[in-house]
Amino acid sequence: MKIILASKSPRRKSILSMIVKDFEIMISDEDEVLDSDLTIEDQIKKLAYIKAKNIFDKTEGDRIIIGADTIVIGIDGEIYGKPKDKEDAKKILNKLKNTKHNVITGISILIEKDGKYIEYSDYDLAEVYISEITNDEINNWLSTGEAYDKAGAYAIQGDFAKHIEKINGNYYTVMGLPIHKVYNILKKYIDIK
């Protein structure tokens, strides 16, 4: 069965490769727009679904399409996606430092097998604590260029890890794909060794 990851994220690609080795990547061209009429959890599941459905509709045959989306929610309830620019990234990191915030990753897995359509949508939440970081430390992080394609303007892996005090929840959820939830769905449909 063909497996397609509907994401350009190298982190999601790396995480999915821990479960399956043979999959394709197709990038959804759908706009990511939050729907304020929905709960945060339903919004993130909807964004993941829109990405997966976009690719599902462009493909055919027996296939599994995996879509995901991640947002960061500050202690004040503000939602942080990917920063628009350096100033936006600084603003986000200054609000997140020395506090706890939530990272929510939504997943949508759309399956067609033997003409039957199956759909899964879920989310996973992790709490992340970022230590007190100085303006120089923020500028050093931003100079790596890694902040701009990540919700909340940081990555839990790599150079920024030294600023993470702790997490409550799944590490891979913070990276952008809750591996445990994806694995538990995929093993129902494919032979995973």
Protein backbone atom coordinates (compact mmCIF):
# COMPACT_ATOMS: atom_id res chain seq x y z
CA MET A 1 0.00 0.00 0.00
CA LYS A 2 1.29 3.44 -0.90
CA ILE A 3 1.97 5.77 2.04
CA ILE A 4 2.14 9.52 1.48
CA LEU A 5 3.15 12.17 3.98
CA ALA A 6 1.36 15.43 3.18
CA SER A 7 4.08 17.66 4.62
CA LYS A 8 7.34 19.30 3.62
CA SER A 9 8.61 19.20 7.20
CA PRO A 10 11.95 17.39 7.46
CA ARG A 11 11.11 16.63 11.09
CA ARG A 12 7.87 14.85 10.19
CA LYS A 13 9.72 12.93 7.47
CA SER A 14 12.33 11.83 10.00
CA ILE A 15 9.72 10.78 12.55
CA LEU A 16 7.63 8.82 10.02
CA SER A 17 10.77 7.02 8.84
CA MET A 18 11.02 5.52 12.35
CA ILE A 19 7.80 3.63 11.59
CA VAL A 20 7.99 2.94 7.84
CA LYS A 21 10.86 3.20 5.39
CA ASP A 22 8.93 3.35 2.13
CA PHE A 23 6.78 6.44 1.75
CA GLU A 24 6.39 9.42 -0.54
CA ILE A 25 6.11 13.10 0.25
CA MET A 26 3.56 15.33 -1.41
CA ILE A 27 3.12 18.89 -0.24
CA SER A 28 -0.39 20.22 0.22
CA ASP A 29 -1.09 23.57 -1.36
CA GLU A 30 -4.02 24.35 0.91
CA ASP A 31 -3.98 27.54 2.98
CA GLU A 32 -3.65 27.07 6.73
CA VAL A 33 -6.41 29.21 8.20
CA LEU A 34 -7.68 28.74 11.72
CA ASP A 35 -11.45 28.58 12.26
CA SER A 36 -12.26 30.55 15.42
CA ASP A 37 -15.70 28.90 15.65
CA LEU A 38 -13.98 25.64 16.64
CA THR A 39 -12.08 24.65 19.75
CA ILE A 40 -8.29 24.80 19.47
CA GLU A 41 -8.17 20.99 19.33
CA ASP A 42 -10.77 20.84 16.55
CA GLN A 43 -9.00 23.62 14.65
CA ILE A 44 -5.70 21.77 14.60
CA LYS A 45 -7.39 18.50 13.59
CA LYS A 46 -9.15 20.38 10.78
CA LEU A 47 -5.87 21.86 9.50
CA ALA A 48 -4.30 18.38 9.45
CA TYR A 49 -7.38 17.01 7.66
CA ILE A 50 -7.32 19.76 5.02
CA LYS A 51 -3.69 18.93 4.20
CA ALA A 52 -4.35 15.19 4.02
CA LYS A 53 -7.57 15.58 2.00
CA ASN A 54 -5.84 17.86 -0.52
CA ILE A 55 -3.33 15.10 -1.30
CA PHE A 56 -5.92 12.30 -1.05
CA ASP A 57 -8.00 14.00 -3.75
CA LYS A 58 -4.95 14.21 -6.05
CA THR A 59 -4.11 10.49 -5.75
CA GLU A 60 -5.88 7.21 -6.34
CA GLY A 61 -5.75 3.53 -5.51
CA ASP A 62 -4.97 1.88 -2.21
CA ARG A 63 -3.13 4.50 -0.16
CA ILE A 64 -2.60 6.05 3.25
CA ILE A 65 -2.28 9.83 3.42
CA ILE A 66 -0.89 11.40 6.60
CA GLY A 67 -1.47 15.07 7.35
CA ALA A 68 -0.32 16.95 10.43
CA ASP A 69 -0.22 20.45 11.80
CA THR A 70 1.26 21.93 14.97
CA ILE A 71 0.47 25.04 16.98
CA VAL A 72 1.84 26.52 20.16
CA ILE A 73 -0.48 28.07 22.74
CA GLY A 74 1.02 30.49 25.23
CA ILE A 75 0.08 30.75 28.87
CA ASP A 76 -2.13 33.71 27.91
CA GLY A 77 -4.05 31.57 25.41
CA GLU A 78 -2.44 33.23 22.41
CA ILE A 79 -1.83 30.94 19.44
CA TYR A 80 1.61 30.94 17.85
CA GLY A 81 2.23 29.46 14.45
CA LYS A 82 5.35 29.97 12.37
CA PRO A 83 6.82 33.46 12.83
CA LYS A 84 6.37 35.95 9.98
CA ASP A 85 9.82 37.44 10.37
CA LYS A 86 12.67 38.04 12.84
CA GLU A 87 10.75 40.59 14.90
CA ASP A 88 7.75 38.27 15.18
CA ALA A 89 10.06 35.40 16.23
CA LYS A 90 11.63 37.60 18.96
CA LYS A 91 8.20 38.61 20.21
CA ILE A 92 7.03 34.99 20.38
CA LEU A 93 10.15 33.77 22.20
CA ASN A 94 9.99 36.63 24.68
CA LYS A 95 6.42 35.61 25.52
CA LEU A 96 7.28 31.90 25.82
CA LYS A 97 10.47 32.19 27.84
CA ASN A 98 10.37 31.37 31.54
CA THR A 99 6.85 29.93 31.21
CA LYS A 100 4.92 26.80 30.41
CA HIS A 101 3.03 26.54 27.13
CA ASN A 102 1.15 23.86 25.23
CA VAL A 103 2.08 22.34 21.90
CA ILE A 104 -0.76 20.67 20.05
CA THR A 105 -0.20 18.55 16.97
CA GLY A 106 -3.20 17.40 14.99
CA ILE A 107 -3.07 14.38 12.73
CA SER A 108 -5.36 13.19 9.98
CA ILE A 109 -4.87 9.83 8.33
CA LEU A 110 -7.00 9.09 5.29
CA ILE A 111 -7.01 5.54 3.94
CA GLU A 112 -8.41 3.91 0.86
CA LYS A 113 -8.09 0.15 0.87
CA ASP A 114 -9.92 -2.16 -1.52
CA GLY A 115 -12.33 0.66 -2.42
CA LYS A 116 -13.20 1.38 1.22
CA TYR A 117 -12.52 4.84 2.70
CA ILE A 118 -11.39 5.17 6.32
CA GLU A 119 -10.62 8.38 8.16
CA TYR A 120 -8.84 9.10 11.44
CA SER A 121 -8.45 12.52 13.04
CA ASP A 122 -6.84 13.11 16.40
CA TYR A 123 -4.50 15.42 18.26
CA ASP A 124 -1.90 15.17 20.96
CA LEU A 125 -0.88 17.77 23.51
CA ALA A 126 2.40 18.30 25.33
CA GLU A 127 3.40 20.92 27.89
CA VAL A 128 6.77 22.56 27.33
CA TYR A 129 8.73 24.66 29.81
CA ILE A 130 11.27 27.09 28.37
CA SER A 131 13.86 28.51 30.76
CA GLU A 132 14.72 32.19 31.12
CA ILE A 133 16.68 33.14 28.00
CA THR A 134 18.50 36.38 27.33
CA ASN A 135 18.12 38.62 24.30
CA ASP A 136 21.60 37.52 23.19
CA GLU A 137 20.54 33.86 23.42
CA ILE A 138 17.40 34.62 21.41
CA ASN A 139 19.45 36.44 18.77
CA ASN A 140 21.95 33.58 18.63
CA TRP A 141 19.11 31.12 18.06
CA LEU A 142 17.50 33.30 15.40
CA SER A 143 20.84 33.64 13.59
CA THR A 144 20.76 29.87 12.89
CA GLY A 145 17.72 30.40 10.62
CA GLU A 146 15.98 27.40 12.18
CA ALA A 147 13.21 29.36 13.92
CA TYR A 148 11.23 30.45 10.90
CA ASP A 149 9.57 27.22 9.79
CA LYS A 150 8.48 26.15 13.27
CA ALA A 151 5.40 26.92 15.32
CA GLY A 152 6.45 28.97 18.34
CA ALA A 153 9.75 29.95 16.65
CA TYR A 154 11.73 27.15 18.30
CA ALA A 155 12.66 23.51 17.93
CA ILE A 156 12.83 21.12 20.85
CA GLN A 157 15.60 19.21 19.09
CA GLY A 158 18.98 20.61 18.13
CA ASP A 159 20.52 23.85 19.40
CA PHE A 160 17.41 25.14 21.15
CA ALA A 161 17.19 22.05 23.39
CA LYS A 162 19.46 23.71 25.97
CA HIS A 163 16.60 26.14 26.73
CA ILE A 164 13.97 23.45 27.35
CA GLU A 165 13.60 22.75 31.07
CA LYS A 166 11.13 19.90 30.70
CA ILE A 167 8.21 18.53 28.78
CA ASN A 168 5.10 16.73 29.93
CA GLY A 169 3.92 14.64 27.03
CA ASN A 170 5.32 13.08 23.91
CA TYR A 171 8.59 14.54 22.60
CA TYR A 172 7.63 13.77 18.99
CA THR A 173 4.34 15.62 19.37
CA VAL A 174 6.40 18.75 20.04
CA MET A 175 8.53 17.97 16.97
CA GLY A 176 5.38 17.78 14.84
CA LEU A 177 4.14 14.17 14.61
CA PRO A 178 2.84 12.14 17.56
CA ILE A 179 4.61 8.92 16.59
CA HIS A 180 2.69 6.72 19.03
CA LYS A 181 -0.70 7.70 17.60
CA VAL A 182 0.44 7.37 13.98
CA TYR A 183 2.00 3.96 14.67
CA ASN A 184 -1.13 2.62 16.35
CA ILE A 185 -3.22 3.52 13.31
CA LEU A 186 -0.77 2.36 10.62
CA LYS A 187 -0.17 -1.07 12.18
CA LYS A 188 -3.85 -1.87 11.57
CA TYR A 189 -3.36 -1.54 7.81
CA ILE A 190 0.22 -2.39 6.98
CA ASP A 191 2.79 -4.87 8.21
CA ILE A 192 5.20 -2.91 10.39
CA LYS A 193 8.28 -4.73 11.56
